[in-house]
Amino acid sequence: DNAKNTTYLQLNSQKPEDTAIYYCAARTGVYNPSNARRSSWYEY
């Protein structure tokens, strides 16, 4: 939601293996779904 400067992650049908610390990350530039899977791609 760009108007609220917020990104959401809806987690449904959760499993014990979903237990973890969840982090969000952001970067500017051209978005590519392949690059976006790499943690090193992000700036913040």
PDB file of all heavy atoms in Angstrom:
ATOM      1  N   ASP A   1       0.859  -1.173   0.000  1.00  0.00           N
ATOM      2  CA  ASP A   1       0.000   0.000   0.000  1.00  0.00           C
ATOM      3  C   ASP A   1       0.901   1.230   0.000  1.00  0.00           C
ATOM      4  O   ASP A   1       1.395   1.644   1.046  1.00  0.00           O
ATOM      5  CB  ASP A   1      -0.919  -0.014   1.217  1.00  0.00           C
ATOM      6  CG  ASP A   1      -1.965   1.088   1.181  1.00  0.00           C
ATOM      7  OD1 ASP A   1      -1.729   2.103   0.494  1.00  0.00           O
ATOM      8  OD2 ASP A   1      -2.989   0.949   1.843  1.00  0.00           O
ATOM      9  N   ASN A   2       1.124   1.809  -1.168  1.00  0.00           N
ATOM     10  CA  ASN A   2       2.030   2.950  -1.268  1.00  0.00           C
ATOM     11  C   ASN A   2       1.503   4.182  -0.535  1.00  0.00           C
ATOM     12  O   ASN A   2       2.276   5.002  -0.050  1.00  0.00           O
ATOM     13  CB  ASN A   2       2.310   3.283  -2.724  1.00  0.00           C
ATOM     14  CG  ASN A   2       3.251   2.283  -3.375  1.00  0.00           C
ATOM     15  OD1 ASN A   2       4.116   1.691  -2.705  1.00  0.00           O
ATOM     16  ND2 ASN A   2       3.102   2.060  -4.665  1.00  0.00           N
ATOM     17  N   ALA A   3       0.189   4.309  -0.436  1.00  0.00           N
ATOM     18  CA  ALA A   3      -0.395   5.448   0.267  1.00  0.00           C
ATOM     19  C   ALA A   3      -0.090   5.399   1.762  1.00  0.00           C
ATOM     20  O   ALA A   3      -0.025   6.443   2.426  1.00  0.00           O
ATOM     21  CB  ALA A   3      -1.896   5.488   0.041  1.00  0.00           C
ATOM     22  N   LYS A   4       0.101   4.195   2.278  1.00  0.00           N
ATOM     23  CA  LYS A   4       0.384   4.029   3.707  1.00  0.00           C
ATOM     24  C   LYS A   4       1.845   3.696   3.983  1.00  0.00           C
ATOM     25  O   LYS A   4       2.210   3.424   5.125  1.00  0.00           O
ATOM     26  CB  LYS A   4      -0.508   2.933   4.292  1.00  0.00           C
ATOM     27  CG  LYS A   4      -1.988   3.259   4.262  1.00  0.00           C
ATOM     28  CD  LYS A   4      -2.810   2.157   4.916  1.00  0.00           C
ATOM     29  CE  LYS A   4      -4.291   2.533   4.939  1.00  0.00           C
ATOM     30  NZ  LYS A   4      -5.121   1.467   5.571  1.00  0.00           N
ATOM     31  N   ASN A   5       2.663   3.673   2.930  1.00  0.00           N
ATOM     32  CA  ASN A   5       4.084   3.331   3.091  1.00  0.00           C
ATOM     33  C   ASN A   5       4.263   1.995   3.814  1.00  0.00           C
ATOM     34  O   ASN A   5       5.188   1.833   4.623  1.00  0.00           O
ATOM     35  CB  ASN A   5       4.839   4.431   3.858  1.00  0.00           C
ATOM     36  CG  ASN A   5       5.179   5.618   2.988  1.00  0.00           C
ATOM     37  OD1 ASN A   5       4.677   5.747   1.870  1.00  0.00           O
ATOM     38  ND2 ASN A   5       6.003   6.512   3.487  1.00  0.00           N
ATOM     39  N   THR A   6       3.420   1.045   3.497  1.00  0.00           N
ATOM     40  CA  THR A   6       3.418  -0.220   4.224  1.00  0.00           C
ATOM     41  C   THR A   6       3.270  -1.406   3.263  1.00  0.00           C
ATOM     42  O   THR A   6       2.514  -1.336   2.298  1.00  0.00           O
ATOM     43  CB  THR A   6       2.273  -0.256   5.246  1.00  0.00           C
ATOM     44  OG1 THR A   6       2.412   0.851   6.154  1.00  0.00           O
ATOM     45  CG2 THR A   6       2.304  -1.542   6.053  1.00  0.00           C
ATOM     46  N   THR A   7       4.018  -2.440   3.558  1.00  0.00           N
ATOM     47  CA  THR A   7       3.890  -3.715   2.856  1.00  0.00           C
ATOM     48  C   THR A   7       3.374  -4.748   3.844  1.00  0.00           C
ATOM     49  O   THR A   7       3.737  -4.719   5.027  1.00  0.00           O
ATOM     50  CB  THR A   7       5.250  -4.156   2.284  1.00  0.00           C
ATOM     51  OG1 THR A   7       5.749  -3.144   1.422  1.00  0.00           O
ATOM     52  CG2 THR A   7       5.123  -5.447   1.505  1.00  0.00           C
ATOM     53  N   TYR A   8       2.552  -5.669   3.349  1.00  0.00           N
ATOM     54  CA  TYR A   8       1.948  -6.681   4.210  1.00  0.00           C
ATOM     55  C   TYR A   8       2.329  -8.081   3.718  1.00  0.00           C
ATOM     56  O   TYR A   8       2.547  -8.300   2.525  1.00  0.00           O
ATOM     57  CB  TYR A   8       0.424  -6.550   4.201  1.00  0.00           C
ATOM     58  CG  TYR A   8      -0.075  -5.189   4.607  1.00  0.00           C
ATOM     59  CD1 TYR A   8      -0.428  -4.238   3.647  1.00  0.00           C
ATOM     60  CD2 TYR A   8      -0.185  -4.841   5.947  1.00  0.00           C
ATOM     61  CE1 TYR A   8      -0.876  -2.986   4.006  1.00  0.00           C
ATOM     62  CE2 TYR A   8      -0.642  -3.587   6.324  1.00  0.00           C
ATOM     63  CZ  TYR A   8      -0.986  -2.662   5.355  1.00  0.00           C
ATOM     64  OH  TYR A   8      -1.432  -1.417   5.726  1.00  0.00           O
ATOM     65  N   LEU A   9       2.368  -9.001   4.656  1.00  0.00           N
ATOM     66  CA  LEU A   9       2.517 -10.409   4.320  1.00  0.00           C
ATOM     67  C   LEU A   9       1.443 -11.166   5.088  1.00  0.00           C
ATOM     68  O   LEU A   9       1.497 -11.242   6.315  1.00  0.00           O
ATOM     69  CB  LEU A   9       3.908 -10.926   4.676  1.00  0.00           C
ATOM     70  CG  LEU A   9       4.195 -12.363   4.243  1.00  0.00           C
ATOM     71  CD1 LEU A   9       4.247 -12.457   2.708  1.00  0.00           C
ATOM     72  CD2 LEU A   9       5.508 -12.868   4.837  1.00  0.00           C
ATOM     73  N   GLN A  10       0.457 -11.681   4.363  1.00  0.00           N
ATOM     74  CA  GLN A  10      -0.616 -12.457   4.963  1.00  0.00           C
ATOM     75  C   GLN A  10      -0.179 -13.914   5.018  1.00  0.00           C
ATOM     76  O   GLN A  10       0.127 -14.507   3.978  1.00  0.00           O
ATOM     77  CB  GLN A  10      -1.892 -12.317   4.136  1.00  0.00           C
ATOM     78  CG  GLN A  10      -3.074 -13.105   4.673  1.00  0.00           C
ATOM     79  CD  GLN A  10      -3.605 -12.584   5.989  1.00  0.00           C
ATOM     80  OE1 GLN A  10      -3.679 -11.368   6.197  1.00  0.00           O
ATOM     81  NE2 GLN A  10      -3.963 -13.479   6.893  1.00  0.00           N
ATOM     82  N   LEU A  11      -0.162 -14.465   6.217  1.00  0.00           N
ATOM     83  CA  LEU A  11       0.259 -15.848   6.432  1.00  0.00           C
ATOM     84  C   LEU A  11      -0.959 -16.684   6.804  1.00  0.00           C
ATOM     85  O   LEU A  11      -1.529 -16.498   7.877  1.00  0.00           O
ATOM     86  CB  LEU A  11       1.293 -15.937   7.563  1.00  0.00           C
ATOM     87  CG  LEU A  11       2.719 -15.433   7.348  1.00  0.00           C
ATOM     88  CD1 LEU A  11       2.773 -13.947   7.032  1.00  0.00           C
ATOM     89  CD2 LEU A  11       3.575 -15.733   8.555  1.00  0.00           C
ATOM     90  N   ASN A  12      -1.367 -17.585   5.924  1.00  0.00           N
ATOM     91  CA  ASN A  12      -2.505 -18.462   6.176  1.00  0.00           C
ATOM     92  C   ASN A  12      -2.045 -19.914   6.228  1.00  0.00           C
ATOM     93  O   ASN A  12      -0.950 -20.248   5.763  1.00  0.00           O
ATOM     94  CB  ASN A  12      -3.559 -18.298   5.084  1.00  0.00           C
ATOM     95  CG  ASN A  12      -4.182 -16.921   5.064  1.00  0.00           C
ATOM     96  OD1 ASN A  12      -4.280 -16.241   6.086  1.00  0.00           O
ATOM     97  ND2 ASN A  12      -4.618 -16.497   3.880  1.00  0.00           N
ATOM     98  N   SER A  13      -2.880 -20.767   6.804  1.00  0.00           N
ATOM     99  CA  SER A  13      -2.614 -22.215   6.848  1.00  0.00           C
ATOM    100  C   SER A  13      -1.197 -22.492   7.337  1.00  0.00           C
ATOM    101  O   SER A  13      -0.451 -23.277   6.730  1.00  0.00           O
ATOM    102  CB  SER A  13      -2.823 -22.828   5.462  1.00  0.00           C
ATOM    103  OG  SER A  13      -4.130 -22.576   5.003  1.00  0.00           O
ATOM    104  N   GLN A  14      -0.847 -21.863   8.416  1.00  0.00           N
ATOM    105  CA  GLN A  14       0.542 -21.946   8.875  1.00  0.00           C
ATOM    106  C   GLN A  14       0.902 -23.321   9.410  1.00  0.00           C
ATOM    107  O   GLN A  14       0.059 -24.043   9.967  1.00  0.00           O
ATOM    108  CB  GLN A  14       0.805 -20.863   9.922  1.00  0.00           C
ATOM    109  CG  GLN A  14       0.825 -19.483   9.288  1.00  0.00           C
ATOM    110  CD  GLN A  14       1.260 -18.430  10.271  1.00  0.00           C
ATOM    111  OE1 GLN A  14       0.461 -17.712  10.842  1.00  0.00           O
ATOM    112  NE2 GLN A  14       2.563 -18.348  10.478  1.00  0.00           N
ATOM    113  N   LYS A  15       2.191 -23.626   9.226  1.00  0.00           N
ATOM    114  CA  LYS A  15       2.750 -24.904   9.643  1.00  0.00           C
ATOM    115  C   LYS A  15       3.875 -24.660  10.654  1.00  0.00           C
ATOM    116  O   LYS A  15       4.468 -23.577  10.660  1.00  0.00           O
ATOM    117  CB  LYS A  15       3.317 -25.638   8.435  1.00  0.00           C
ATOM    118  CG  LYS A  15       2.329 -25.829   7.296  1.00  0.00           C
ATOM    119  CD  LYS A  15       3.018 -26.443   6.089  1.00  0.00           C
ATOM    120  CE  LYS A  15       2.058 -26.608   4.928  1.00  0.00           C
ATOM    121  NZ  LYS A  15       2.713 -27.213   3.741  1.00  0.00           N
ATOM    122  N   PRO A  16       4.188 -25.648  11.471  1.00  0.00           N
ATOM    123  CA  PRO A  16       5.299 -25.465  12.420  1.00  0.00           C
ATOM    124  C   PRO A  16       6.601 -25.056  11.740  1.00  0.00           C
ATOM    125  O   PRO A  16       7.385 -24.287  12.313  1.00  0.00           O
ATOM    126  CB  PRO A  16       5.413 -26.839  13.093  1.00  0.00           C
ATOM    127  CG  PRO A  16       4.025 -27.384  13.030  1.00  0.00           C
ATOM    128  CD  PRO A  16       3.473 -26.917  11.709  1.00  0.00           C
ATOM    129  N   GLU A  17       6.818 -25.523  10.533  1.00  0.00           N
ATOM    130  CA  GLU A  17       8.054 -25.172   9.821  1.00  0.00           C
ATOM    131  C   GLU A  17       8.075 -23.718   9.332  1.00  0.00           C
ATOM    132  O   GLU A  17       9.088 -23.267   8.797  1.00  0.00           O
ATOM    133  CB  GLU A  17       8.293 -26.112   8.637  1.00  0.00           C
ATOM    134  CG  GLU A  17       7.130 -26.267   7.695  1.00  0.00           C
ATOM    135  CD  GLU A  17       6.288 -27.496   8.009  1.00  0.00           C
ATOM    136  OE1 GLU A  17       6.043 -27.773   9.208  1.00  0.00           O
ATOM    137  OE2 GLU A  17       5.854 -28.168   7.050  1.00  0.00           O
ATOM    138  N   ASP A  18       6.992 -22.993   9.517  1.00  0.00           N
ATOM    139  CA  ASP A  18       6.979 -21.555   9.208  1.00  0.00           C
ATOM    140  C   ASP A  18       7.566 -20.738  10.355  1.00  0.00           C
ATOM    141  O   ASP A  18       7.733 -19.516  10.222  1.00  0.00           O
ATOM    142  CB  ASP A  18       5.561 -21.074   8.928  1.00  0.00           C
ATOM    143  CG  ASP A  18       4.961 -21.669   7.672  1.00  0.00           C
ATOM    144  OD1 ASP A  18       5.717 -21.897   6.702  1.00  0.00           O
ATOM    145  OD2 ASP A  18       3.741 -21.911   7.670  1.00  0.00           O
ATOM    146  N   THR A  19       7.847 -21.386  11.479  1.00  0.00           N
ATOM    147  CA  THR A  19       8.420 -20.688  12.613  1.00  0.00           C
ATOM    148  C   THR A  19       9.774 -20.092  12.252  1.00  0.00           C
ATOM    149  O   THR A  19      10.674 -20.805  11.789  1.00  0.00           O
ATOM    150  CB  THR A  19       8.581 -21.651  13.805  1.00  0.00           C
ATOM    151  OG1 THR A  19       7.287 -22.079  14.233  1.00  0.00           O
ATOM    152  CG2 THR A  19       9.304 -20.976  14.963  1.00  0.00           C
ATOM    153  N   ALA A  20       9.906 -18.780  12.451  1.00  0.00           N
ATOM    154  CA  ALA A  20      11.136 -18.079  12.074  1.00  0.00           C
ATOM    155  C   ALA A  20      11.005 -16.616  12.457  1.00  0.00           C
ATOM    156  O   ALA A  20       9.924 -16.144  12.820  1.00  0.00           O
ATOM    157  CB  ALA A  20      11.385 -18.183  10.565  1.00  0.00           C
ATOM    158  N   ILE A  21      12.113 -15.900  12.334  1.00  0.00           N
ATOM    159  CA  ILE A  21      12.066 -14.447  12.368  1.00  0.00           C
ATOM    160  C   ILE A  21      11.841 -13.989  10.929  1.00  0.00           C
ATOM    161  O   ILE A  21      12.560 -14.418  10.017  1.00  0.00           O
ATOM    162  CB  ILE A  21      13.360 -13.846  12.934  1.00  0.00           C
ATOM    163  CG1 ILE A  21      13.581 -14.317  14.365  1.00  0.00           C
ATOM    164  CG2 ILE A  21      13.303 -12.313  12.887  1.00  0.00           C
ATOM    165  CD1 ILE A  21      14.903 -13.880  14.959  1.00  0.00           C
ATOM    166  N   TYR A  22      10.861 -13.131  10.737  1.00  0.00           N
ATOM    167  CA  TYR A  22      10.521 -12.628   9.408  1.00  0.00           C
ATOM    168  C   TYR A  22      11.035 -11.201   9.260  1.00  0.00           C
ATOM    169  O   TYR A  22      10.775 -10.347  10.117  1.00  0.00           O
ATOM    170  CB  TYR A  22       9.012 -12.671   9.197  1.00  0.00           C
ATOM    171  CG  TYR A  22       8.507 -14.068   8.927  1.00  0.00           C
ATOM    172  CD1 TYR A  22       8.490 -15.040   9.931  1.00  0.00           C
ATOM    173  CD2 TYR A  22       8.066 -14.440   7.662  1.00  0.00           C
ATOM    174  CE1 TYR A  22       8.058 -16.326   9.685  1.00  0.00           C
ATOM    175  CE2 TYR A  22       7.609 -15.735   7.402  1.00  0.00           C
ATOM    176  CZ  TYR A  22       7.616 -16.661   8.426  1.00  0.00           C
ATOM    177  OH  TYR A  22       7.181 -17.944   8.172  1.00  0.00           O
ATOM    178  N   TYR A  23      11.741 -10.969   8.153  1.00  0.00           N
ATOM    179  CA  TYR A  23      12.342  -9.674   7.865  1.00  0.00           C
ATOM    180  C   TYR A  23      11.778  -9.107   6.562  1.00  0.00           C
ATOM    181  O   TYR A  23      11.565  -9.846   5.608  1.00  0.00           O
ATOM    182  CB  TYR A  23      13.856  -9.805   7.676  1.00  0.00           C
ATOM    183  CG  TYR A  23      14.605 -10.344   8.851  1.00  0.00           C
ATOM    184  CD1 TYR A  23      14.818 -11.717   8.993  1.00  0.00           C
ATOM    185  CD2 TYR A  23      15.153  -9.499   9.807  1.00  0.00           C
ATOM    186  CE1 TYR A  23      15.518 -12.228  10.064  1.00  0.00           C
ATOM    187  CE2 TYR A  23      15.860 -10.000  10.894  1.00  0.00           C
ATOM    188  CZ  TYR A  23      16.043 -11.362  11.011  1.00  0.00           C
ATOM    189  OH  TYR A  23      16.757 -11.856  12.077  1.00  0.00           O
ATOM    190  N   CYS A  24      11.592  -7.794   6.532  1.00  0.00           N
ATOM    191  CA  CYS A  24      11.298  -7.146   5.261  1.00  0.00           C
ATOM    192  C   CYS A  24      12.542  -6.381   4.804  1.00  0.00           C
ATOM    193  O   CYS A  24      13.390  -5.994   5.614  1.00  0.00           O
ATOM    194  CB  CYS A  24      10.096  -6.214   5.348  1.00  0.00           C
ATOM    195  SG  CYS A  24      10.293  -4.765   6.376  1.00  0.00           S
ATOM    196  N   ALA A  25      12.626  -6.209   3.505  1.00  0.00           N
ATOM    197  CA  ALA A  25      13.767  -5.530   2.899  1.00  0.00           C
ATOM    198  C   ALA A  25      13.280  -4.709   1.709  1.00  0.00           C
ATOM    199  O   ALA A  25      12.251  -5.040   1.110  1.00  0.00           O
ATOM    200  CB  ALA A  25      14.813  -6.546   2.458  1.00  0.00           C
ATOM    201  N   ALA A  26      14.020  -3.669   1.356  1.00  0.00           N
ATOM    202  CA  ALA A  26      13.585  -2.791   0.265  1.00  0.00           C
ATOM    203  C   ALA A  26      14.762  -2.328  -0.570  1.00  0.00           C
ATOM    204  O   ALA A  26      15.894  -2.239  -0.078  1.00  0.00           O
ATOM    205  CB  ALA A  26      12.858  -1.563   0.828  1.00  0.00           C
ATOM    206  N   ARG A  27      14.474  -2.067  -1.863  1.00  0.00           N
ATOM    207  CA  ARG A  27      15.465  -1.431  -2.718  1.00  0.00           C
ATOM    208  C   ARG A  27      14.760  -0.759  -3.883  1.00  0.00           C
ATOM    209  O   ARG A  27      13.664  -1.151  -4.291  1.00  0.00           O
ATOM    210  CB  ARG A  27      16.507  -2.405  -3.246  1.00  0.00           C
ATOM    211  CG  ARG A  27      16.062  -3.329  -4.335  1.00  0.00           C
ATOM    212  CD  ARG A  27      17.275  -3.820  -5.131  1.00  0.00           C
ATOM    213  NE  ARG A  27      17.766  -2.805  -6.053  1.00  0.00           N
ATOM    214  CZ  ARG A  27      18.975  -2.838  -6.610  1.00  0.00           C
ATOM    215  NH1 ARG A  27      19.821  -3.816  -6.307  1.00  0.00           N
ATOM    216  NH2 ARG A  27      19.361  -1.907  -7.456  1.00  0.00           N
ATOM    217  N   THR A  28      15.433   0.232  -4.415  1.00  0.00           N
ATOM    218  CA  THR A  28      14.916   0.920  -5.576  1.00  0.00           C
ATOM    219  C   THR A  28      15.542   0.314  -6.827  1.00  0.00           C
ATOM    220  O   THR A  28      16.382  -0.583  -6.737  1.00  0.00           O
ATOM    221  CB  THR A  28      15.236   2.425  -5.487  1.00  0.00           C
ATOM    222  OG1 THR A  28      14.556   3.105  -6.541  1.00  0.00           O
ATOM    223  CG2 THR A  28      16.726   2.679  -5.601  1.00  0.00           C
ATOM    224  N   GLY A  29      15.116   0.755  -7.977  1.00  0.00           N
ATOM    225  CA  GLY A  29      15.680   0.225  -9.206  1.00  0.00           C
ATOM    226  C   GLY A  29      14.703  -0.677  -9.923  1.00  0.00           C
ATOM    227  O   GLY A  29      13.563  -0.870  -9.498  1.00  0.00           O
ATOM    228  N   VAL A  30      15.169  -1.246 -11.017  1.00  0.00           N
ATOM    229  CA  VAL A  30      14.326  -2.086 -11.845  1.00  0.00           C
ATOM    230  C   VAL A  30      14.037  -3.392 -11.116  1.00  0.00           C
ATOM    231  O   VAL A  30      14.953  -4.085 -10.672  1.00  0.00           O
ATOM    232  CB  VAL A  30      15.001  -2.380 -13.200  1.00  0.00           C
ATOM    233  CG1 VAL A  30      14.148  -3.329 -14.031  1.00  0.00           C
ATOM    234  CG2 VAL A  30      15.250  -1.074 -13.956  1.00  0.00           C
ATOM    235  N   TYR A  31      12.767  -3.701 -11.018  1.00  0.00           N
ATOM    236  CA  TYR A  31      12.354  -4.920 -10.318  1.00  0.00           C
ATOM    237  C   TYR A  31      12.405  -6.106 -11.279  1.00  0.00           C
ATOM    238  O   TYR A  31      11.920  -6.042 -12.398  1.00  0.00           O
ATOM    239  CB  TYR A  31      10.930  -4.750  -9.791  1.00  0.00           C
ATOM    240  CG  TYR A  31      10.322  -6.014  -9.219  1.00  0.00           C
ATOM    241  CD1 TYR A  31      10.616  -6.430  -7.928  1.00  0.00           C
ATOM    242  CD2 TYR A  31       9.432  -6.779  -9.973  1.00  0.00           C
ATOM    243  CE1 TYR A  31      10.047  -7.579  -7.397  1.00  0.00           C
ATOM    244  CE2 TYR A  31       8.865  -7.927  -9.458  1.00  0.00           C
ATOM    245  CZ  TYR A  31       9.170  -8.321  -8.162  1.00  0.00           C
ATOM    246  OH  TYR A  31       8.614  -9.462  -7.642  1.00  0.00           O
ATOM    247  N   ASN A  32      12.992  -7.177 -10.788  1.00  0.00           N
ATOM    248  CA  ASN A  32      13.043  -8.434 -11.539  1.00  0.00           C
ATOM    249  C   ASN A  32      12.726  -9.543 -10.556  1.00  0.00           C
ATOM    250  O   ASN A  32      13.410  -9.682  -9.542  1.00  0.00           O
ATOM    251  CB  ASN A  32      14.450  -8.609 -12.126  1.00  0.00           C
ATOM    252  CG  ASN A  32      14.593  -9.898 -12.883  1.00  0.00           C
ATOM    253  OD1 ASN A  32      14.491 -10.976 -12.305  1.00  0.00           O
ATOM    254  ND2 ASN A  32      14.853  -9.814 -14.175  1.00  0.00           N
ATOM    255  N   PRO A  33      11.676 -10.325 -10.819  1.00  0.00           N
ATOM    256  CA  PRO A  33      11.271 -11.351  -9.840  1.00  0.00           C
ATOM    257  C   PRO A  33      12.391 -12.333  -9.504  1.00  0.00           C
ATOM    258  O   PRO A  33      12.407 -12.887  -8.405  1.00  0.00           O
ATOM    259  CB  PRO A  33      10.115 -12.063 -10.549  1.00  0.00           C
ATOM    260  CG  PRO A  33       9.557 -11.030 -11.464  1.00  0.00           C
ATOM    261  CD  PRO A  33      10.748 -10.253 -11.947  1.00  0.00           C
ATOM    262  N   SER A  34      13.323 -12.522 -10.422  1.00  0.00           N
ATOM    263  CA  SER A  34      14.438 -13.424 -10.152  1.00  0.00           C
ATOM    264  C   SER A  34      15.433 -12.778  -9.185  1.00  0.00           C
ATOM    265  O   SER A  34      15.840 -13.380  -8.181  1.00  0.00           O
ATOM    266  CB  SER A  34      15.127 -13.797 -11.465  1.00  0.00           C
ATOM    267  OG  SER A  34      16.233 -14.642 -11.205  1.00  0.00           O
ATOM    268  N   ASN A  35      15.811 -11.533  -9.480  1.00  0.00           N
ATOM    269  CA  ASN A  35      16.746 -10.822  -8.588  1.00  0.00           C
ATOM    270  C   ASN A  35      16.151 -10.622  -7.200  1.00  0.00           C
ATOM    271  O   ASN A  35      16.868 -10.654  -6.191  1.00  0.00           O
ATOM    272  CB  ASN A  35      17.111  -9.459  -9.177  1.00  0.00           C
ATOM    273  CG  ASN A  35      17.984  -9.577 -10.402  1.00  0.00           C
ATOM    274  OD1 ASN A  35      18.632 -10.598 -10.621  1.00  0.00           O
ATOM    275  ND2 ASN A  35      18.001  -8.543 -11.222  1.00  0.00           N
ATOM    276  N   ALA A  36      14.835 -10.415  -7.156  1.00  0.00           N
ATOM    277  CA  ALA A  36      14.176 -10.110  -5.890  1.00  0.00           C
ATOM    278  C   ALA A  36      14.208 -11.282  -4.908  1.00  0.00           C
ATOM    279  O   ALA A  36      13.880 -11.111  -3.741  1.00  0.00           O
ATOM    280  CB  ALA A  36      12.738  -9.690  -6.143  1.00  0.00           C
ATOM    281  N   ARG A  37      14.594 -12.454  -5.374  1.00  0.00           N
ATOM    282  CA  ARG A  37      14.715 -13.615  -4.489  1.00  0.00           C
ATOM    283  C   ARG A  37      16.046 -13.651  -3.746  1.00  0.00           C
ATOM    284  O   ARG A  37      16.236 -14.466  -2.850  1.00  0.00           O
ATOM    285  CB  ARG A  37      14.563 -14.903  -5.302  1.00  0.00           C
ATOM    286  CG  ARG A  37      13.182 -15.063  -5.938  1.00  0.00           C
ATOM    287  CD  ARG A  37      13.130 -16.244  -6.903  1.00  0.00           C
ATOM    288  NE  ARG A  37      11.807 -16.375  -7.504  1.00  0.00           N
ATOM    289  CZ  ARG A  37      10.834 -17.123  -7.005  1.00  0.00           C
ATOM    290  NH1 ARG A  37      11.046 -17.841  -5.919  1.00  0.00           N
ATOM    291  NH2 ARG A  37       9.652 -17.179  -7.612  1.00  0.00           N
ATOM    292  N   ARG A  38      16.965 -12.792  -4.132  1.00  0.00           N
ATOM    293  CA  ARG A  38      18.301 -12.793  -3.527  1.00  0.00           C
ATOM    294  C   ARG A  38      18.386 -11.740  -2.430  1.00  0.00           C
ATOM    295  O   ARG A  38      18.135 -10.563  -2.670  1.00  0.00           O
ATOM    296  CB  ARG A  38      19.364 -12.531  -4.583  1.00  0.00           C
ATOM    297  CG  ARG A  38      19.458 -13.610  -5.645  1.00  0.00           C
ATOM    298  CD  ARG A  38      20.637 -13.383  -6.578  1.00  0.00           C
ATOM    299  NE  ARG A  38      20.398 -12.273  -7.488  1.00  0.00           N
ATOM    300  CZ  ARG A  38      21.030 -11.098  -7.409  1.00  0.00           C
ATOM    301  NH1 ARG A  38      21.925 -10.877  -6.469  1.00  0.00           N
ATOM    302  NH2 ARG A  38      20.771 -10.155  -8.286  1.00  0.00           N
ATOM    303  N   SER A  39      18.794 -12.114  -1.229  1.00  0.00           N
ATOM    304  CA  SER A  39      18.892 -11.164  -0.122  1.00  0.00           C
ATOM    305  C   SER A  39      19.927 -10.076  -0.428  1.00  0.00           C
ATOM    306  O   SER A  39      19.770  -8.934   0.001  1.00  0.00           O
ATOM    307  CB  SER A  39      19.245 -11.897   1.169  1.00  0.00           C
ATOM    308  OG  SER A  39      20.473 -12.577   1.053  1.00  0.00           O
ATOM    309  N   SER A  40      20.952 -10.415  -1.197  1.00  0.00           N
ATOM    310  CA  SER A  40      22.009  -9.445  -1.501  1.00  0.00           C
ATOM    311  C   SER A  40      21.530  -8.319  -2.402  1.00  0.00           C
ATOM    312  O   SER A  40      22.206  -7.306  -2.566  1.00  0.00           O
ATOM    313  CB  SER A  40      23.201 -10.156  -2.146  1.00  0.00           C
ATOM    314  OG  SER A  40      22.801 -10.794  -3.344  1.00  0.00           O
ATOM    315  N   TRP A  41      20.370  -8.495  -3.040  1.00  0.00           N
ATOM    316  CA  TRP A  41      19.841  -7.485  -3.956  1.00  0.00           C
ATOM    317  C   TRP A  41      19.298  -6.268  -3.217  1.00  0.00           C
ATOM    318  O   TRP A  41      19.205  -5.186  -3.775  1.00  0.00           O
ATOM    319  CB  TRP A  41      18.739  -8.119  -4.807  1.00  0.00           C
ATOM    320  CG  TRP A  41      18.190  -7.272  -5.909  1.00  0.00           C
ATOM    321  CD1 TRP A  41      18.814  -6.896  -7.062  1.00  0.00           C
ATOM    322  CD2 TRP A  41      16.870  -6.703  -5.964  1.00  0.00           C
ATOM    323  NE1 TRP A  41      17.959  -6.129  -7.827  1.00  0.00           N
ATOM    324  CE2 TRP A  41      16.768  -6.000  -7.190  1.00  0.00           C
ATOM    325  CE3 TRP A  41      15.759  -6.728  -5.108  1.00  0.00           C
ATOM    326  CZ2 TRP A  41      15.606  -5.330  -7.572  1.00  0.00           C
ATOM    327  CZ3 TRP A  41      14.607  -6.055  -5.491  1.00  0.00           C
ATOM    328  CH2 TRP A  41      14.549  -5.366  -6.711  1.00  0.00           C
ATOM    329  N   TYR A  42      18.958  -6.427  -1.951  1.00  0.00           N
ATOM    330  CA  TYR A  42      18.257  -5.386  -1.211  1.00  0.00           C
ATOM    331  C   TYR A  42      19.210  -4.393  -0.544  1.00  0.00           C
ATOM    332  O   TYR A  42      20.315  -4.743  -0.124  1.00  0.00           O
ATOM    333  CB  TYR A  42      17.334  -6.025  -0.182  1.00  0.00           C
ATOM    334  CG  TYR A  42      16.194  -6.751  -0.851  1.00  0.00           C
ATOM    335  CD1 TYR A  42      16.316  -8.078  -1.232  1.00  0.00           C
ATOM    336  CD2 TYR A  42      15.002  -6.084  -1.147  1.00  0.00           C
ATOM    337  CE1 TYR A  42      15.288  -8.747  -1.885  1.00  0.00           C
ATOM    338  CE2 TYR A  42      13.971  -6.741  -1.788  1.00  0.00           C
ATOM    339  CZ  TYR A  42      14.123  -8.065  -2.160  1.00  0.00           C
ATOM    340  OH  TYR A  42      13.102  -8.704  -2.809  1.00  0.00           O
ATOM    341  N   GLU A  43      18.722  -3.154  -0.398  1.00  0.00           N
ATOM    342  CA  GLU A  43      19.522  -2.082   0.194  1.00  0.00           C
ATOM    343  C   GLU A  43      19.258  -1.897   1.683  1.00  0.00           C
ATOM    344  O   GLU A  43      20.167  -1.567   2.447  1.00  0.00           O
ATOM    345  CB  GLU A  43      19.210  -0.758  -0.512  1.00  0.00           C
ATOM    346  CG  GLU A  43      19.533  -0.737  -1.999  1.00  0.00           C
ATOM    347  CD  GLU A  43      19.037   0.539  -2.644  1.00  0.00           C
ATOM    348  OE1 GLU A  43      17.828   0.610  -2.959  1.00  0.00           O
ATOM    349  OE2 GLU A  43      19.848   1.468  -2.824  1.00  0.00           O
ATOM    350  N   TYR A  44      18.002  -2.060   2.066  1.00  0.00           N
ATOM    351  CA  TYR A  44      17.615  -1.754   3.446  1.00  0.00           C
ATOM    352  C   TYR A  44      16.865  -2.929   4.058  1.00  0.00           C
ATOM    353  O   TYR A  44      16.100  -3.608   3.359  1.00  0.00           O
ATOM    354  CB  TYR A  44      16.729  -0.505   3.491  1.00  0.00           C
ATOM    355  CG  TYR A  44      17.372   0.704   2.850  1.00  0.00           C
ATOM    356  CD1 TYR A  44      16.947   1.163   1.612  1.00  0.00           C
ATOM    357  CD2 TYR A  44      18.415   1.363   3.486  1.00  0.00           C
ATOM    358  CE1 TYR A  44      17.539   2.268   1.024  1.00  0.00           C
ATOM    359  CE2 TYR A  44      19.010   2.469   2.902  1.00  0.00           C
ATOM    360  CZ  TYR A  44      18.566   2.910   1.675  1.00  0.00           C
ATOM    361  OH  TYR A  44      19.162   3.997   1.091  1.00  0.00           O
TER     362      TYR A  44
END
